[in-house]
Amino acid sequence: MAEDGKGSPAASEKEGKVTYKIRLKVLNRETGEESYHTLDEAKDWNWADPEIWRIVSGWQVTSFQQLLNMLYRRMQKGETEVLVLEAPRFMMCSGG
């Protein structure tokens, strides 16, 4: 079991499966709206659309599996919430 440094479990690992205990806060850079999403909702995002970029800690996330990898590393550090910046590609490239 991974711990957050304070002795409390950040993720439960059992038989190779991980239970993610982290919140996704999504900031839509185009509208300025903030919302919280579950991993089930994030799984259904259109990951194949190259016109929508999602950024976590300065890194572009291009697949659900890549998002899970990033979340796992963040949970190991004890973080309980991750900010996902989402915007059309043209806004991210132009400094929008």
C-alpha atoms as a PDB file:
ATOM      1  CA  MET A   1       0.000   0.000   0.000  1.00  0.00           C
ATOM      2  CA  ALA A   2       1.337   3.424  -0.930  1.00  0.00           C
ATOM      3  CA  GLU A   3       1.384   6.026   1.806  1.00  0.00           C
ATOM      4  CA  ASP A   4       1.313   9.794   1.692  1.00  0.00           C
ATOM      5  CA  GLY A   5       4.150  10.287   4.159  1.00  0.00           C
ATOM      6  CA  LYS A   6       1.762  10.840   7.056  1.00  0.00           C
ATOM      7  CA  GLY A   7       0.871   7.183   7.416  1.00  0.00           C
ATOM      8  CA  SER A   8      -2.496   7.377   5.649  1.00  0.00           C
ATOM      9  CA  PRO A   9      -3.033   5.375   2.464  1.00  0.00           C
ATOM     10  CA  ALA A  10      -2.972   7.382  -0.729  1.00  0.00           C
ATOM     11  CA  ALA A  11      -3.740   4.433  -2.994  1.00  0.00           C
ATOM     12  CA  SER A  12      -4.736   0.884  -2.254  1.00  0.00           C
ATOM     13  CA  GLU A  13      -2.790  -1.731  -4.218  1.00  0.00           C
ATOM     14  CA  LYS A  14      -4.227  -5.220  -4.236  1.00  0.00           C
ATOM     15  CA  GLU A  15      -3.461  -7.943  -6.753  1.00  0.00           C
ATOM     16  CA  GLY A  16      -1.954  -5.416  -9.166  1.00  0.00           C
ATOM     17  CA  LYS A  17      -4.994  -3.137  -9.063  1.00  0.00           C
ATOM     18  CA  VAL A  18      -4.825   0.403  -7.760  1.00  0.00           C
ATOM     19  CA  THR A  19      -7.701   2.281  -6.151  1.00  0.00           C
ATOM     20  CA  TYR A  20      -7.204   5.935  -6.937  1.00  0.00           C
ATOM     21  CA  LYS A  21      -8.096   8.324  -4.138  1.00  0.00           C
ATOM     22  CA  ILE A  22      -7.512  11.629  -5.849  1.00  0.00           C
ATOM     23  CA  ARG A  23      -9.781  14.356  -7.192  1.00  0.00           C
ATOM     24  CA  LEU A  24      -9.578  15.810 -10.686  1.00  0.00           C
ATOM     25  CA  LYS A  25     -10.178  19.550 -10.777  1.00  0.00           C
ATOM     26  CA  VAL A  26     -10.596  20.636 -14.389  1.00  0.00           C
ATOM     27  CA  LEU A  27     -10.088  24.271 -15.360  1.00  0.00           C
ATOM     28  CA  ASN A  28     -11.473  25.070 -18.788  1.00  0.00           C
ATOM     29  CA  ARG A  29      -9.150  27.821 -20.046  1.00  0.00           C
ATOM     30  CA  GLU A  30     -11.604  28.840 -22.756  1.00  0.00           C
ATOM     31  CA  THR A  31     -14.556  29.549 -20.441  1.00  0.00           C
ATOM     32  CA  GLY A  32     -12.798  29.926 -17.079  1.00  0.00           C
ATOM     33  CA  GLU A  33     -15.128  27.345 -15.531  1.00  0.00           C
ATOM     34  CA  GLU A  34     -13.838  24.939 -12.878  1.00  0.00           C
ATOM     35  CA  SER A  35     -15.369  21.536 -12.292  1.00  0.00           C
ATOM     36  CA  TYR A  36     -14.565  18.270 -10.556  1.00  0.00           C
ATOM     37  CA  HIS A  37     -14.589  14.974 -12.413  1.00  0.00           C
ATOM     38  CA  THR A  38     -14.339  11.320 -11.486  1.00  0.00           C
ATOM     39  CA  LEU A  39     -11.952   8.924 -13.170  1.00  0.00           C
ATOM     40  CA  ASP A  40     -14.933   7.247 -14.837  1.00  0.00           C
ATOM     41  CA  GLU A  41     -15.821  10.568 -16.445  1.00  0.00           C
ATOM     42  CA  ALA A  42     -12.205  11.182 -17.464  1.00  0.00           C
ATOM     43  CA  LYS A  43     -12.099   7.766 -19.100  1.00  0.00           C
ATOM     44  CA  ASP A  44     -14.921   8.891 -21.410  1.00  0.00           C
ATOM     45  CA  TRP A  45     -13.196  12.108 -22.498  1.00  0.00           C
ATOM     46  CA  ASN A  46     -12.388  12.200 -26.209  1.00  0.00           C
ATOM     47  CA  TRP A  47      -8.678  11.419 -25.923  1.00  0.00           C
ATOM     48  CA  ALA A  48      -8.310  11.069 -29.706  1.00  0.00           C
ATOM     49  CA  ASP A  49      -9.195  14.719 -30.394  1.00  0.00           C
ATOM     50  CA  PRO A  50      -5.910  16.547 -31.147  1.00  0.00           C
ATOM     51  CA  GLU A  51      -7.642  19.945 -30.916  1.00  0.00           C
ATOM     52  CA  ILE A  52      -8.260  19.645 -27.151  1.00  0.00           C
ATOM     53  CA  TRP A  53      -5.206  19.722 -24.926  1.00  0.00           C
ATOM     54  CA  ARG A  54      -5.085  18.653 -21.299  1.00  0.00           C
ATOM     55  CA  ILE A  55      -2.147  19.800 -19.205  1.00  0.00           C
ATOM     56  CA  VAL A  56      -1.131  18.506 -15.760  1.00  0.00           C
ATOM     57  CA  SER A  57       1.823  20.185 -14.048  1.00  0.00           C
ATOM     58  CA  GLY A  58       3.104  21.521 -17.351  1.00  0.00           C
ATOM     59  CA  TRP A  59       2.887  18.152 -19.139  1.00  0.00           C
ATOM     60  CA  GLN A  60       0.462  17.445 -21.950  1.00  0.00           C
ATOM     61  CA  VAL A  61      -1.636  14.362 -21.211  1.00  0.00           C
ATOM     62  CA  THR A  62      -2.710  12.572 -24.383  1.00  0.00           C
ATOM     63  CA  SER A  63      -4.343   9.378 -23.086  1.00  0.00           C
ATOM     64  CA  PHE A  64      -6.301   8.046 -20.147  1.00  0.00           C
ATOM     65  CA  GLN A  65      -3.466   5.646 -19.301  1.00  0.00           C
ATOM     66  CA  GLN A  66      -0.995   8.535 -19.208  1.00  0.00           C
ATOM     67  CA  LEU A  67      -3.375  10.390 -16.870  1.00  0.00           C
ATOM     68  CA  LEU A  68      -3.526   7.339 -14.574  1.00  0.00           C
ATOM     69  CA  ASN A  69       0.277   7.144 -14.506  1.00  0.00           C
ATOM     70  CA  MET A  70       0.536  10.807 -13.537  1.00  0.00           C
ATOM     71  CA  LEU A  71      -2.160  10.473 -10.878  1.00  0.00           C
ATOM     72  CA  TYR A  72      -0.437   7.449  -9.365  1.00  0.00           C
ATOM     73  CA  ARG A  73       2.836   9.356  -9.028  1.00  0.00           C
ATOM     74  CA  ARG A  74       1.019  12.326  -7.505  1.00  0.00           C
ATOM     75  CA  MET A  75      -0.767  10.075  -4.997  1.00  0.00           C
ATOM     76  CA  GLN A  76       2.571   8.593  -3.975  1.00  0.00           C
ATOM     77  CA  LYS A  77       3.629  12.142  -3.068  1.00  0.00           C
ATOM     78  CA  GLY A  78       0.541  12.487  -0.885  1.00  0.00           C
ATOM     79  CA  GLU A  79      -1.452  14.788  -3.136  1.00  0.00           C
ATOM     80  CA  THR A  80      -5.236  14.461  -2.996  1.00  0.00           C
ATOM     81  CA  GLU A  81      -6.192  16.772  -5.870  1.00  0.00           C
ATOM     82  CA  VAL A  82      -4.781  17.385  -9.332  1.00  0.00           C
ATOM     83  CA  LEU A  83      -5.466  20.400 -11.523  1.00  0.00           C
ATOM     84  CA  VAL A  84      -6.087  19.593 -15.184  1.00  0.00           C
ATOM     85  CA  LEU A  85      -5.959  22.545 -17.567  1.00  0.00           C
ATOM     86  CA  GLU A  86      -8.137  21.943 -20.613  1.00  0.00           C
ATOM     87  CA  ALA A  87      -8.381  24.151 -23.674  1.00  0.00           C
ATOM     88  CA  PRO A  88      -8.399  24.136 -27.449  1.00  0.00           C
ATOM     89  CA  ARG A  89      -4.937  23.642 -28.932  1.00  0.00           C
ATOM     90  CA  PHE A  90      -4.800  27.138 -30.428  1.00  0.00           C
ATOM     91  CA  MET A  91      -5.177  28.719 -26.977  1.00  0.00           C
ATOM     92  CA  MET A  92      -2.394  26.667 -25.429  1.00  0.00           C
ATOM     93  CA  CYS A  93      -0.026  27.319 -28.336  1.00  0.00           C
ATOM     94  CA  SER A  94      -0.637  31.053 -28.438  1.00  0.00           C
ATOM     95  CA  GLY A  95      -0.370  31.617 -24.698  1.00  0.00           C
ATOM     96  CA  GLY A  96      -4.164  32.174 -24.576  1.00  0.00           C
END
